[in-house]
Amino acid sequence: MLSCLVRALYGDLPHEQLVQASFFSLLLCMIVGVYWMMRSLKDSVFATTVGLEYQPTAKMLSLVVVTVMLFFITNWCGCSYDFDQ
């Protein structure tokens, strides 16, 4: 029964790729779970430490900072990895 469920979810994968896919699925679930818990704490901690009057400015600034960081990280990873393998 379990093998039918795994085959339906992942397809017909070799054992090594099945372990890798399971590991990355578990990792993604943990990342989403931690983000979900931290998101509820973020606003209350920010309001306590800085104050709610700075929240719109902080949200706009964080959007700009994350966008710029993603741009640089993507360019850095794209230059250091050969995609033609």
PDB file of N, CA and C in Angstrom:
ATOM      1  N   MET A   1       0.827  -1.197   0.000  1.00  0.00           N
ATOM      2  CA  MET A   1       0.000   0.000   0.000  1.00  0.00           C
ATOM      3  C   MET A   1       0.868   1.257   0.000  1.00  0.00           C
ATOM      4  N   LEU A   2       1.899   1.255   0.848  1.00  0.00           N
ATOM      5  CA  LEU A   2       2.780   2.414   0.923  1.00  0.00           C
ATOM      6  C   LEU A   2       3.559   2.590  -0.380  1.00  0.00           C
ATOM      7  N   SER A   3       3.992   1.489  -0.969  1.00  0.00           N
ATOM      8  CA  SER A   3       4.728   1.592  -2.227  1.00  0.00           C
ATOM      9  C   SER A   3       3.843   2.125  -3.351  1.00  0.00           C
ATOM     10  N   CYS A   4       2.551   1.806  -3.338  1.00  0.00           N
ATOM     11  CA  CYS A   4       1.629   2.348  -4.349  1.00  0.00           C
ATOM     12  C   CYS A   4       1.458   3.855  -4.172  1.00  0.00           C
ATOM     13  N   LEU A   5       1.391   4.293  -2.935  1.00  0.00           N
ATOM     14  CA  LEU A   5       1.264   5.720  -2.660  1.00  0.00           C
ATOM     15  C   LEU A   5       2.528   6.474  -3.079  1.00  0.00           C
ATOM     16  N   VAL A   6       3.691   5.912  -2.754  1.00  0.00           N
ATOM     17  CA  VAL A   6       4.954   6.549  -3.135  1.00  0.00           C
ATOM     18  C   VAL A   6       5.085   6.588  -4.649  1.00  0.00           C
ATOM     19  N   ARG A   7       4.724   5.526  -5.334  1.00  0.00           N
ATOM     20  CA  ARG A   7       4.797   5.497  -6.792  1.00  0.00           C
ATOM     21  C   ARG A   7       3.818   6.494  -7.416  1.00  0.00           C
ATOM     22  N   ALA A   8       2.655   6.683  -6.797  1.00  0.00           N
ATOM     23  CA  ALA A   8       1.689   7.656  -7.318  1.00  0.00           C
ATOM     24  C   ALA A   8       2.176   9.085  -7.124  1.00  0.00           C
ATOM     25  N   LEU A   9       2.855   9.351  -6.005  1.00  0.00           N
ATOM     26  CA  LEU A   9       3.340  10.701  -5.735  1.00  0.00           C
ATOM     27  C   LEU A   9       4.611  11.033  -6.502  1.00  0.00           C
ATOM     28  N   TYR A  10       5.564  10.116  -6.543  1.00  0.00           N
ATOM     29  CA  TYR A  10       6.887  10.404  -7.093  1.00  0.00           C
ATOM     30  C   TYR A  10       7.136   9.770  -8.459  1.00  0.00           C
ATOM     31  N   GLY A  11       6.301   8.876  -8.893  1.00  0.00           N
ATOM     32  CA  GLY A  11       6.548   8.188 -10.153  1.00  0.00           C
ATOM     33  C   GLY A  11       7.474   7.009  -9.939  1.00  0.00           C
ATOM     34  N   ASP A  12       8.022   6.499 -11.010  1.00  0.00           N
ATOM     35  CA  ASP A  12       8.892   5.326 -10.946  1.00  0.00           C
ATOM     36  C   ASP A  12      10.344   5.791 -10.877  1.00  0.00           C
ATOM     37  N   LEU A  13      10.818   6.069  -9.664  1.00  0.00           N
ATOM     38  CA  LEU A  13      12.168   6.591  -9.451  1.00  0.00           C
ATOM     39  C   LEU A  13      13.085   5.508  -8.904  1.00  0.00           C
ATOM     40  N   PRO A  14      14.374   5.591  -9.236  1.00  0.00           N
ATOM     41  CA  PRO A  14      15.339   4.714  -8.561  1.00  0.00           C
ATOM     42  C   PRO A  14      15.419   5.068  -7.075  1.00  0.00           C
ATOM     43  N   HIS A  15      15.949   4.158  -6.285  1.00  0.00           N
ATOM     44  CA  HIS A  15      15.972   4.334  -4.827  1.00  0.00           C
ATOM     45  C   HIS A  15      16.720   5.595  -4.407  1.00  0.00           C
ATOM     46  N   GLU A  16      17.857   5.883  -5.035  1.00  0.00           N
ATOM     47  CA  GLU A  16      18.646   7.062  -4.652  1.00  0.00           C
ATOM     48  C   GLU A  16      17.872   8.357  -4.898  1.00  0.00           C
ATOM     49  N   GLN A  17      17.199   8.436  -6.029  1.00  0.00           N
ATOM     50  CA  GLN A  17      16.428   9.640  -6.344  1.00  0.00           C
ATOM     51  C   GLN A  17      15.184   9.732  -5.463  1.00  0.00           C
ATOM     52  N   LEU A  18      14.621   8.598  -5.090  1.00  0.00           N
ATOM     53  CA  LEU A  18      13.466   8.602  -4.190  1.00  0.00           C
ATOM     54  C   LEU A  18      13.860   9.119  -2.809  1.00  0.00           C
ATOM     55  N   VAL A  19      15.023   8.718  -2.325  1.00  0.00           N
ATOM     56  CA  VAL A  19      15.510   9.217  -1.033  1.00  0.00           C
ATOM     57  C   VAL A  19      15.768  10.715  -1.119  1.00  0.00           C
ATOM     58  N   GLN A  20      16.376  11.145  -2.217  1.00  0.00           N
ATOM     59  CA  GLN A  20      16.660  12.570  -2.392  1.00  0.00           C
ATOM     60  C   GLN A  20      15.369  13.381  -2.472  1.00  0.00           C
ATOM     61  N   ALA A  21      14.391  12.918  -3.239  1.00  0.00           N
ATOM     62  CA  ALA A  21      13.118  13.626  -3.353  1.00  0.00           C
ATOM     63  C   ALA A  21      12.386  13.665  -2.017  1.00  0.00           C
ATOM     64  N   SER A  22      12.445  12.586  -1.271  1.00  0.00           N
ATOM     65  CA  SER A  22      11.806  12.562   0.051  1.00  0.00           C
ATOM     66  C   SER A  22      12.483  13.530   1.007  1.00  0.00           C
ATOM     67  N   PHE A  23      13.812  13.574   0.960  1.00  0.00           N
ATOM     68  CA  PHE A  23      14.553  14.495   1.818  1.00  0.00           C
ATOM     69  C   PHE A  23      14.194  15.938   1.505  1.00  0.00           C
ATOM     70  N   PHE A  24      14.162  16.295   0.219  1.00  0.00           N
ATOM     71  CA  PHE A  24      13.847  17.669  -0.141  1.00  0.00           C
ATOM     72  C   PHE A  24      12.376  18.007   0.132  1.00  0.00           C
ATOM     73  N   SER A  25      11.494  17.034   0.030  1.00  0.00           N
ATOM     74  CA  SER A  25      10.095  17.271   0.392  1.00  0.00           C
ATOM     75  C   SER A  25       9.962  17.555   1.882  1.00  0.00           C
ATOM     76  N   LEU A  26      10.663  16.780   2.689  1.00  0.00           N
ATOM     77  CA  LEU A  26      10.645  17.003   4.136  1.00  0.00           C
ATOM     78  C   LEU A  26      11.268  18.342   4.489  1.00  0.00           C
ATOM     79  N   LEU A  27      12.354  18.690   3.814  1.00  0.00           N
ATOM     80  CA  LEU A  27      13.004  19.977   4.053  1.00  0.00           C
ATOM     81  C   LEU A  27      12.073  21.143   3.713  1.00  0.00           C
ATOM     82  N   LEU A  28      11.365  21.047   2.597  1.00  0.00           N
ATOM     83  CA  LEU A  28      10.414  22.094   2.226  1.00  0.00           C
ATOM     84  C   LEU A  28       9.286  22.202   3.244  1.00  0.00           C
ATOM     85  N   CYS A  29       8.782  21.081   3.718  1.00  0.00           N
ATOM     86  CA  CYS A  29       7.723  21.120   4.738  1.00  0.00           C
ATOM     87  C   CYS A  29       8.210  21.783   6.022  1.00  0.00           C
ATOM     88  N   MET A  30       9.445  21.508   6.397  1.00  0.00           N
ATOM     89  CA  MET A  30       9.986  22.127   7.603  1.00  0.00           C
ATOM     90  C   MET A  30      10.200  23.622   7.418  1.00  0.00           C
ATOM     91  N   ILE A  31      10.660  24.039   6.259  1.00  0.00           N
ATOM     92  CA  ILE A  31      10.853  25.468   5.992  1.00  0.00           C
ATOM     93  C   ILE A  31       9.520  26.197   6.042  1.00  0.00           C
ATOM     94  N   VAL A  32       8.504  25.638   5.396  1.00  0.00           N
ATOM     95  CA  VAL A  32       7.183  26.272   5.398  1.00  0.00           C
ATOM     96  C   VAL A  32       6.608  26.302   6.813  1.00  0.00           C
ATOM     97  N   GLY A  33       6.807  25.235   7.579  1.00  0.00           N
ATOM     98  CA  GLY A  33       6.298  25.199   8.948  1.00  0.00           C
ATOM     99  C   GLY A  33       6.954  26.229   9.846  1.00  0.00           C
ATOM    100  N   VAL A  34       8.263  26.352   9.748  1.00  0.00           N
ATOM    101  CA  VAL A  34       8.974  27.349  10.559  1.00  0.00           C
ATOM    102  C   VAL A  34       8.571  28.756  10.140  1.00  0.00           C
ATOM    103  N   TYR A  35       8.445  28.986   8.831  1.00  0.00           N
ATOM    104  CA  TYR A  35       8.023  30.312   8.359  1.00  0.00           C
ATOM    105  C   TYR A  35       6.624  30.645   8.876  1.00  0.00           C
ATOM    106  N   TRP A  36       5.745  29.678   8.877  1.00  0.00           N
ATOM    107  CA  TRP A  36       4.371  29.890   9.328  1.00  0.00           C
ATOM    108  C   TRP A  36       4.346  30.272  10.811  1.00  0.00           C
ATOM    109  N   MET A  37       5.176  29.615  11.616  1.00  0.00           N
ATOM    110  CA  MET A  37       5.217  29.951  13.037  1.00  0.00           C
ATOM    111  C   MET A  37       5.882  31.306  13.277  1.00  0.00           C
ATOM    112  N   MET A  38       6.952  31.591  12.562  1.00  0.00           N
ATOM    113  CA  MET A  38       7.670  32.848  12.762  1.00  0.00           C
ATOM    114  C   MET A  38       6.893  34.052  12.241  1.00  0.00           C
ATOM    115  N   ARG A  39       6.062  33.846  11.241  1.00  0.00           N
ATOM    116  CA  ARG A  39       5.299  34.960  10.669  1.00  0.00           C
ATOM    117  C   ARG A  39       4.355  35.573  11.691  1.00  0.00           C
ATOM    118  N   SER A  40       3.754  34.745  12.520  1.00  0.00           N
ATOM    119  CA  SER A  40       2.833  35.275  13.525  1.00  0.00           C
ATOM    120  C   SER A  40       3.574  36.049  14.615  1.00  0.00           C
ATOM    121  N   LEU A  41       4.811  35.687  14.882  1.00  0.00           N
ATOM    122  CA  LEU A  41       5.593  36.388  15.903  1.00  0.00           C
ATOM    123  C   LEU A  41       6.214  37.681  15.392  1.00  0.00           C
ATOM    124  N   LYS A  42       6.434  37.759  14.094  1.00  0.00           N
ATOM    125  CA  LYS A  42       7.187  38.869  13.517  1.00  0.00           C
ATOM    126  C   LYS A  42       6.542  40.224  13.800  1.00  0.00           C
ATOM    127  N   ASP A  43       5.270  40.360  13.545  1.00  0.00           N
ATOM    128  CA  ASP A  43       4.610  41.653  13.714  1.00  0.00           C
ATOM    129  C   ASP A  43       4.561  42.088  15.171  1.00  0.00           C
ATOM    130  N   SER A  44       4.309  41.147  16.072  1.00  0.00           N
ATOM    131  CA  SER A  44       4.232  41.532  17.481  1.00  0.00           C
ATOM    132  C   SER A  44       5.613  41.922  18.025  1.00  0.00           C
ATOM    133  N   VAL A  45       6.659  41.216  17.622  1.00  0.00           N
ATOM    134  CA  VAL A  45       8.008  41.576  18.065  1.00  0.00           C
ATOM    135  C   VAL A  45       8.415  42.920  17.473  1.00  0.00           C
ATOM    136  N   PHE A  46       8.112  43.150  16.212  1.00  0.00           N
ATOM    137  CA  PHE A  46       8.443  44.425  15.570  1.00  0.00           C
ATOM    138  C   PHE A  46       7.706  45.577  16.245  1.00  0.00           C
ATOM    139  N   ALA A  47       6.424  45.384  16.529  1.00  0.00           N
ATOM    140  CA  ALA A  47       5.640  46.437  17.175  1.00  0.00           C
ATOM    141  C   ALA A  47       6.157  46.744  18.576  1.00  0.00           C
ATOM    142  N   THR A  48       6.614  45.727  19.285  1.00  0.00           N
ATOM    143  CA  THR A  48       7.127  45.935  20.636  1.00  0.00           C
ATOM    144  C   THR A  48       8.478  46.637  20.624  1.00  0.00           C
ATOM    145  N   THR A  49       9.352  46.263  19.704  1.00  0.00           N
ATOM    146  CA  THR A  49      10.711  46.809  19.717  1.00  0.00           C
ATOM    147  C   THR A  49      10.820  48.156  19.030  1.00  0.00           C
ATOM    148  N   VAL A  50      10.144  48.347  17.912  1.00  0.00           N
ATOM    149  CA  VAL A  50      10.312  49.570  17.125  1.00  0.00           C
ATOM    150  C   VAL A  50       9.077  50.455  17.177  1.00  0.00           C
ATOM    151  N   GLY A  51       7.924  49.858  17.036  1.00  0.00           N
ATOM    152  CA  GLY A  51       6.677  50.618  17.000  1.00  0.00           C
ATOM    153  C   GLY A  51       5.990  50.432  15.654  1.00  0.00           C
ATOM    154  N   LEU A  52       4.684  50.508  15.661  1.00  0.00           N
ATOM    155  CA  LEU A  52       3.913  50.260  14.437  1.00  0.00           C
ATOM    156  C   LEU A  52       4.018  51.382  13.408  1.00  0.00           C
ATOM    157  N   GLU A  53       4.459  52.564  13.811  1.00  0.00           N
ATOM    158  CA  GLU A  53       4.534  53.672  12.846  1.00  0.00           C
ATOM    159  C   GLU A  53       5.626  53.449  11.799  1.00  0.00           C
ATOM    160  N   TYR A  54       6.603  52.579  12.097  1.00  0.00           N
ATOM    161  CA  TYR A  54       7.667  52.300  11.136  1.00  0.00           C
ATOM    162  C   TYR A  54       7.409  51.049  10.295  1.00  0.00           C
ATOM    163  N   GLN A  55       6.306  50.387  10.521  1.00  0.00           N
ATOM    164  CA  GLN A  55       6.045  49.126   9.820  1.00  0.00           C
ATOM    165  C   GLN A  55       5.917  49.292   8.299  1.00  0.00           C
ATOM    166  N   PRO A  56       5.180  50.280   7.768  1.00  0.00           N
ATOM    167  CA  PRO A  56       5.120  50.405   6.300  1.00  0.00           C
ATOM    168  C   PRO A  56       6.482  50.661   5.661  1.00  0.00           C
ATOM    169  N   THR A  57       7.289  51.508   6.293  1.00  0.00           N
ATOM    170  CA  THR A  57       8.630  51.774   5.768  1.00  0.00           C
ATOM    171  C   THR A  57       9.490  50.516   5.806  1.00  0.00           C
ATOM    172  N   ALA A  58       9.412  49.759   6.877  1.00  0.00           N
ATOM    173  CA  ALA A  58      10.204  48.531   7.001  1.00  0.00           C
ATOM    174  C   ALA A  58       9.782  47.493   5.968  1.00  0.00           C
ATOM    175  N   LYS A  59       8.487  47.398   5.684  1.00  0.00           N
ATOM    176  CA  LYS A  59       8.017  46.429   4.690  1.00  0.00           C
ATOM    177  C   LYS A  59       8.482  46.812   3.290  1.00  0.00           C
ATOM    178  N   MET A  60       8.431  48.084   2.957  1.00  0.00           N
ATOM    179  CA  MET A  60       8.911  48.517   1.637  1.00  0.00           C
ATOM    180  C   MET A  60      10.412  48.316   1.513  1.00  0.00           C
ATOM    181  N   LEU A  61      11.142  48.649   2.576  1.00  0.00           N
ATOM    182  CA  LEU A  61      12.591  48.489   2.544  1.00  0.00           C
ATOM    183  C   LEU A  61      12.985  47.015   2.454  1.00  0.00           C
ATOM    184  N   SER A  62      12.274  46.160   3.153  1.00  0.00           N
ATOM    185  CA  SER A  62      12.597  44.733   3.091  1.00  0.00           C
ATOM    186  C   SER A  62      12.327  44.161   1.702  1.00  0.00           C
ATOM    187  N   LEU A  63      11.307  44.648   1.022  1.00  0.00           N
ATOM    188  CA  LEU A  63      11.034  44.204  -0.343  1.00  0.00           C
ATOM    189  C   LEU A  63      12.184  44.576  -1.272  1.00  0.00           C
ATOM    190  N   VAL A  64      12.684  45.806  -1.137  1.00  0.00           N
ATOM    191  CA  VAL A  64      13.800  46.252  -1.974  1.00  0.00           C
ATOM    192  C   VAL A  64      15.066  45.451  -1.648  1.00  0.00           C
ATOM    193  N   VAL A  65      15.355  45.261  -0.371  1.00  0.00           N
ATOM    194  CA  VAL A  65      16.572  44.547   0.031  1.00  0.00           C
ATOM    195  C   VAL A  65      16.530  43.092  -0.444  1.00  0.00           C
ATOM    196  N   VAL A  66      15.408  42.428  -0.272  1.00  0.00           N
ATOM    197  CA  VAL A  66      15.303  41.032  -0.701  1.00  0.00           C
ATOM    198  C   VAL A  66      15.409  40.918  -2.216  1.00  0.00           C
ATOM    199  N   THR A  67      14.798  41.842  -2.957  1.00  0.00           N
ATOM    200  CA  THR A  67      14.881  41.806  -4.415  1.00  0.00           C
ATOM    201  C   THR A  67      16.323  41.986  -4.886  1.00  0.00           C
ATOM    202  N   VAL A  68      17.028  42.936  -4.312  1.00  0.00           N
ATOM    203  CA  VAL A  68      18.426  43.170  -4.696  1.00  0.00           C
ATOM    204  C   VAL A  68      19.291  41.968  -4.325  1.00  0.00           C
ATOM    205  N   MET A  69      19.082  41.415  -3.137  1.00  0.00           N
ATOM    206  CA  MET A  69      19.863  40.244  -2.731  1.00  0.00           C
ATOM    207  C   MET A  69      19.593  39.054  -3.635  1.00  0.00           C
ATOM    208  N   LEU A  70      18.345  38.818  -3.987  1.00  0.00           N
ATOM    209  CA  LEU A  70      18.024  37.714  -4.899  1.00  0.00           C
ATOM    210  C   LEU A  70      18.656  37.914  -6.263  1.00  0.00           C
ATOM    211  N   PHE A  71      18.686  39.139  -6.733  1.00  0.00           N
ATOM    212  CA  PHE A  71      19.319  39.434  -8.015  1.00  0.00           C
ATOM    213  C   PHE A  71      20.800  39.070  -7.979  1.00  0.00           C
ATOM    214  N   PHE A  72      21.506  39.499  -6.929  1.00  0.00           N
ATOM    215  CA  PHE A  72      22.935  39.214  -6.834  1.00  0.00           C
ATOM    216  C   PHE A  72      23.213  37.732  -6.610  1.00  0.00           C
ATOM    217  N   ILE A  73      22.416  37.086  -5.774  1.00  0.00           N
ATOM    218  CA  ILE A  73      22.631  35.662  -5.522  1.00  0.00           C
ATOM    219  C   ILE A  73      22.348  34.847  -6.778  1.00  0.00           C
ATOM    220  N   THR A  74      21.307  35.196  -7.513  1.00  0.00           N
ATOM    221  CA  THR A  74      20.993  34.479  -8.741  1.00  0.00           C
ATOM    222  C   THR A  74      22.093  34.650  -9.774  1.00  0.00           C
ATOM    223  N   ASN A  75      22.597  35.854  -9.913  1.00  0.00           N
ATOM    224  CA  ASN A  75      23.695  36.071 -10.852  1.00  0.00           C
ATOM    225  C   ASN A  75      24.957  35.352 -10.411  1.00  0.00           C
ATOM    226  N   TRP A  76      25.248  35.338  -9.122  1.00  0.00           N
ATOM    227  CA  TRP A  76      26.433  34.666  -8.622  1.00  0.00           C
ATOM    228  C   TRP A  76      26.333  33.151  -8.832  1.00  0.00           C
ATOM    229  N   CYS A  77      25.170  32.581  -8.529  1.00  0.00           N
ATOM    230  CA  CYS A  77      24.994  31.136  -8.711  1.00  0.00           C
ATOM    231  C   CYS A  77      24.985  30.768 -10.190  1.00  0.00           C
ATOM    232  N   GLY A  78      24.412  31.617 -11.024  1.00  0.00           N
ATOM    233  CA  GLY A  78      24.372  31.342 -12.460  1.00  0.00           C
ATOM    234  C   GLY A  78      25.744  31.371 -13.084  1.00  0.00           C
ATOM    235  N   CYS A  79      26.624  32.202 -12.560  1.00  0.00           N
ATOM    236  CA  CYS A  79      27.985  32.294 -13.124  1.00  0.00           C
ATOM    237  C   CYS A  79      28.865  31.160 -12.640  1.00  0.00           C
ATOM    238  N   SER A  80      28.612  30.626 -11.451  1.00  0.00           N
ATOM    239  CA  SER A  80      29.495  29.615 -10.888  1.00  0.00           C
ATOM    240  C   SER A  80      29.019  28.187 -11.162  1.00  0.00           C
ATOM    241  N   TYR A  81      27.888  28.013 -11.837  1.00  0.00           N
ATOM    242  CA  TYR A  81      27.382  26.679 -12.102  1.00  0.00           C
ATOM    243  C   TYR A  81      27.187  26.494 -13.590  1.00  0.00           C
ATOM    244  N   ASP A  82      27.631  25.363 -14.110  1.00  0.00           N
ATOM    245  CA  ASP A  82      27.502  25.077 -15.531  1.00  0.00           C
ATOM    246  C   ASP A  82      26.195  24.317 -15.752  1.00  0.00           C
ATOM    247  N   PHE A  83      25.227  24.953 -16.388  1.00  0.00           N
ATOM    248  CA  PHE A  83      23.920  24.344 -16.608  1.00  0.00           C
ATOM    249  C   PHE A  83      23.907  23.380 -17.792  1.00  0.00           C
ATOM    250  N   ASP A  84      24.990  23.270 -18.545  1.00  0.00           N
ATOM    251  CA  ASP A  84      25.031  22.422 -19.724  1.00  0.00           C
ATOM    252  C   ASP A  84      25.524  21.012 -19.416  1.00  0.00           C
ATOM    253  N   GLN A  85      25.492  20.608 -18.171  1.00  0.00           N
ATOM    254  CA  GLN A  85      25.981  19.270 -17.805  1.00  0.00           C
ATOM    255  C   GLN A  85      25.033  18.205 -18.271  1.00  0.00           C
TER     256      GLN A  85
END
